[in-house]
Amino acid sequence: MRPSVCELVTLWHPTIGCRRRWLAPCSLSWLRAPARWSQVVRPEMRIKLQVAIAADALDIVALRAAVAAKLTAQYGQGPWSGVSTEKGVLFDLRTSRVFVARRKSRLVATLRLTTKKPWAIDPKYFTPCTRPLYLLSMAVAPELQRQGIGRLCLAEVREIFRQWPADAIRLDAYDAPAGAGQFYGRCDFRKVGRVSYRGCPLVYFEMLV
């Protein structure tokens, strides 16, 4: 559902620098520039990743499902349409380190980190290193996307990686319009290769720490 005029004009504009400016419908043309908004973080936005626990599982399931539903509605059925289960999330908690970010107790983002190489990753495409970590299952609540939350989460991830310690961050993204490759590229990840894993086109990215 498209936001109303009142919702649009409460967004933070990087040039005007205001959050509540009334504009008549005919003067909304400057709002039709997603690139000017997509990298802007609202002044009050703060994100702190915390290690998830079993009690977070259902919220993580719901967030992942919402993201999958949005991508499916926008791009059609694809590998991004899969839905997590509580059992699957609990397995993730046992086999990797899952993180969540909340605002006023509401889950707004999640991701997981692991030292175990995912099946879809082929190491030959990456810079040789001894302590790589893999970033997986990153998701931001659909209605809060393009507000800088993803960038703030990745900034937190960099600090976590330094403390782990690790010497590289590796990940893959769908090589399709539904994929997040452009986002990772804007966040200083380097594209290192393209592959097809079980018929699913992927793009590999890395960041050396």
Protein backbone atom coordinates (compact mmCIF):
# COMPACT_ATOMS: atom_id res chain seq x y z
CA MET A 1 0.00 0.00 0.00
CA ARG A 2 1.41 3.40 -0.99
CA PRO A 3 1.98 5.86 1.87
CA SER A 4 -0.37 8.79 2.11
CA VAL A 5 0.71 12.38 1.57
CA CYS A 6 0.79 12.93 5.31
CA GLU A 7 3.09 9.92 5.76
CA LEU A 8 5.38 11.02 2.95
CA VAL A 9 5.92 14.51 4.25
CA THR A 10 7.02 13.28 7.66
CA LEU A 11 10.14 11.67 6.15
CA TRP A 12 13.52 13.27 6.69
CA HIS A 13 14.80 15.06 3.60
CA PRO A 14 18.61 15.44 3.35
CA THR A 15 18.50 18.91 1.81
CA ILE A 16 15.51 20.53 3.45
CA GLY A 17 16.36 18.98 6.81
CA CYS A 18 12.86 18.83 8.21
CA ARG A 19 10.46 16.06 9.17
CA ARG A 20 7.09 17.81 9.21
CA ARG A 21 6.65 20.08 6.23
CA TRP A 22 3.22 20.38 4.63
CA LEU A 23 3.30 20.23 0.83
CA ALA A 24 0.38 20.42 -1.58
CA PRO A 25 0.02 17.36 -3.85
CA CYS A 26 1.31 19.30 -6.86
CA SER A 27 4.61 20.00 -5.08
CA LEU A 28 5.50 16.38 -4.28
CA SER A 29 7.70 15.86 -7.35
CA TRP A 30 10.90 16.04 -5.31
CA LEU A 31 9.71 13.01 -3.32
CA ARG A 32 9.96 10.86 -6.45
CA ALA A 33 13.68 10.35 -6.07
CA PRO A 34 14.24 7.14 -4.11
CA ALA A 35 18.02 7.42 -4.34
CA ARG A 36 17.91 10.61 -2.26
CA TRP A 37 16.03 8.84 0.49
CA SER A 38 17.35 5.30 0.46
CA GLN A 39 20.61 6.11 2.21
CA VAL A 40 19.23 8.57 4.74
CA VAL A 41 19.01 7.60 8.38
CA ARG A 42 16.49 9.40 10.50
CA PRO A 43 18.22 11.45 13.18
CA GLU A 44 16.66 9.43 16.01
CA MET A 45 17.51 6.06 14.46
CA ARG A 46 19.72 3.86 16.61
CA ILE A 47 20.39 0.18 16.07
CA LYS A 48 22.06 -2.21 18.48
CA LEU A 49 22.48 -5.85 17.54
CA GLN A 50 21.94 -8.32 20.35
CA VAL A 51 22.48 -12.06 20.41
CA ALA A 52 19.14 -13.77 19.86
CA ILE A 53 17.69 -16.31 22.26
CA ALA A 54 15.03 -19.00 21.87
CA ALA A 55 12.31 -16.56 22.93
CA ASP A 56 13.10 -14.49 19.81
CA ALA A 57 12.44 -17.38 17.42
CA LEU A 58 8.82 -16.64 16.54
CA ASP A 59 9.55 -12.96 15.95
CA ILE A 60 12.41 -13.91 13.63
CA VAL A 61 10.12 -16.31 11.75
CA ALA A 62 7.54 -13.54 11.32
CA LEU A 63 10.12 -11.00 10.11
CA ARG A 64 11.66 -13.39 7.58
CA ALA A 65 8.18 -14.32 6.34
CA ALA A 66 7.24 -10.66 5.87
CA VAL A 67 10.38 -10.01 3.83
CA ALA A 68 9.79 -13.12 1.70
CA ALA A 69 6.19 -12.06 1.08
CA LYS A 70 7.24 -8.58 -0.02
CA LEU A 71 9.87 -9.91 -2.43
CA THR A 72 7.42 -12.43 -3.86
CA ALA A 73 4.76 -9.77 -4.36
CA GLN A 74 7.26 -7.50 -6.08
CA TYR A 75 9.28 -10.00 -8.15
CA GLY A 76 7.20 -13.16 -8.29
CA GLN A 77 7.97 -16.63 -6.97
CA GLY A 78 11.63 -17.45 -6.56
CA PRO A 79 14.19 -18.83 -4.10
CA TRP A 80 13.54 -15.74 -1.99
CA SER A 81 9.96 -16.96 -1.41
CA GLY A 82 10.91 -19.65 1.09
CA VAL A 83 9.51 -19.28 4.59
CA SER A 84 11.38 -20.08 7.81
CA THR A 85 9.94 -22.15 10.63
CA GLU A 86 10.41 -21.96 14.36
CA LYS A 87 12.29 -25.26 14.23
CA GLY A 88 14.59 -23.85 11.56
CA VAL A 89 15.33 -20.70 13.55
CA LEU A 90 16.07 -22.74 16.67
CA PHE A 91 18.49 -24.80 14.58
CA ASP A 92 20.17 -21.56 13.45
CA LEU A 93 20.52 -20.54 17.09
CA ARG A 94 22.33 -23.79 17.85
CA THR A 95 24.64 -23.76 14.83
CA SER A 96 25.43 -20.07 14.36
CA ARG A 97 25.21 -16.77 16.15
CA VAL A 98 21.90 -15.09 15.39
CA PHE A 99 21.47 -11.38 16.07
CA VAL A 100 18.39 -9.22 16.39
CA ALA A 101 17.75 -5.49 16.52
CA ARG A 102 14.72 -4.06 18.28
CA ARG A 103 13.12 -0.65 18.55
CA LYS A 104 10.76 -0.23 21.49
CA SER A 105 10.68 -4.02 21.88
CA ARG A 106 9.68 -4.55 18.25
CA LEU A 107 11.97 -6.68 16.07
CA VAL A 108 13.15 -4.59 13.10
CA ALA A 109 16.14 -6.56 11.78
CA THR A 110 17.93 -9.86 12.09
CA LEU A 111 21.00 -11.59 10.67
CA ARG A 112 23.29 -14.46 11.53
CA LEU A 113 27.02 -15.08 11.51
CA THR A 114 28.85 -18.37 11.31
CA THR A 115 32.36 -19.73 10.84
CA LYS A 116 31.00 -22.77 8.99
CA LYS A 117 31.04 -22.37 5.23
CA PRO A 118 27.53 -22.50 3.73
CA TRP A 119 26.95 -25.04 0.99
CA ALA A 120 26.38 -22.32 -1.62
CA ILE A 121 29.78 -20.70 -1.04
CA ASP A 122 32.73 -21.76 -3.22
CA PRO A 123 35.96 -20.59 -1.49
CA LYS A 124 37.95 -20.40 -4.73
CA TYR A 125 36.25 -17.10 -5.62
CA PHE A 126 37.32 -15.37 -2.42
CA THR A 127 40.56 -13.86 -1.17
CA PRO A 128 42.47 -16.57 0.74
CA CYS A 129 42.26 -16.03 4.50
CA THR A 130 42.42 -18.08 7.67
CA ARG A 131 39.43 -16.78 9.66
CA PRO A 132 36.49 -15.98 7.37
CA LEU A 133 33.03 -15.39 8.79
CA TYR A 134 29.85 -15.72 6.79
CA LEU A 135 26.95 -13.29 6.91
CA LEU A 136 23.58 -14.97 6.31
CA SER A 137 19.83 -14.42 6.55
CA MET A 138 19.93 -10.65 6.86
CA ALA A 139 16.43 -9.17 6.91
CA VAL A 140 14.90 -5.78 7.72
CA ALA A 141 11.19 -5.24 8.37
CA PRO A 142 9.68 -4.35 4.96
CA GLU A 143 7.95 -1.17 6.12
CA LEU A 144 11.23 0.11 7.60
CA GLN A 145 13.47 -0.59 4.62
CA ARG A 146 15.33 2.25 2.88
CA GLN A 147 15.71 4.12 6.15
CA GLY A 148 19.32 3.16 6.88
CA ILE A 149 18.65 0.22 9.21
CA GLY A 150 20.54 -2.21 7.00
CA ARG A 151 23.59 0.06 6.91
CA LEU A 152 23.51 0.46 10.68
CA CYS A 153 23.34 -3.32 11.08
CA LEU A 154 26.38 -3.77 8.84
CA ALA A 155 28.28 -1.16 10.86
CA GLU A 156 27.53 -3.24 13.95
CA VAL A 157 28.64 -6.38 12.10
CA ARG A 158 32.02 -4.82 11.35
CA GLU A 159 32.60 -4.25 15.05
CA ILE A 160 31.50 -7.79 15.87
CA PHE A 161 33.89 -9.19 13.27
CA ARG A 162 36.81 -7.24 14.69
CA GLN A 163 36.08 -8.58 18.16
CA TRP A 164 35.45 -12.17 17.00
CA PRO A 165 38.23 -11.96 15.60
CA ALA A 166 37.96 -12.57 11.86
CA ASP A 167 39.83 -11.43 8.78
CA ALA A 168 37.04 -11.42 6.17
CA ILE A 169 33.29 -11.18 5.82
CA ARG A 170 31.82 -13.35 3.07
CA LEU A 171 28.27 -13.55 1.75
CA ASP A 172 26.16 -14.30 -1.28
CA ALA A 173 23.14 -12.55 -2.76
CA TYR A 174 20.60 -13.58 -5.38
CA ASP A 175 21.80 -12.55 -8.83
CA ALA A 176 18.38 -11.14 -9.68
CA PRO A 177 16.40 -7.93 -9.17
CA ALA A 178 15.13 -9.39 -5.90
CA GLY A 179 18.69 -9.78 -4.62
CA ALA A 180 20.49 -7.36 -2.32
CA GLY A 181 23.69 -7.20 -4.36
CA GLN A 182 23.45 -3.48 -5.08
CA PHE A 183 22.93 -2.77 -1.39
CA TYR A 184 26.07 -4.70 -0.39
CA GLY A 185 28.04 -2.98 -3.13
CA ARG A 186 27.03 0.42 -1.75
CA CYS A 187 28.13 -0.75 1.69
CA ASP A 188 31.73 -1.33 0.53
CA PHE A 189 31.53 -5.06 -0.10
CA ARG A 190 33.49 -6.19 -3.14
CA LYS A 191 31.93 -8.42 -5.74
CA VAL A 192 34.20 -11.42 -6.30
CA GLY A 193 32.25 -13.78 -8.53
CA ARG A 194 29.04 -15.15 -9.99
CA VAL A 195 27.92 -18.77 -9.74
CA SER A 196 24.83 -20.93 -10.05
CA TYR A 197 24.08 -23.15 -7.08
CA ARG A 198 21.42 -25.78 -7.73
CA GLY A 199 20.03 -23.63 -10.49
CA CYS A 200 19.96 -20.47 -8.39
CA PRO A 201 22.17 -17.62 -9.74
CA LEU A 202 24.25 -16.04 -6.95
CA VAL A 203 26.71 -13.18 -6.59
CA TYR A 204 29.55 -13.48 -4.10
CA PHE A 205 30.73 -10.53 -2.01
CA GLU A 206 33.50 -10.07 0.51
CA MET A 207 34.94 -7.45 2.81
CA LEU A 208 38.44 -7.85 4.20
CA VAL A 209 38.71 -6.73 7.80
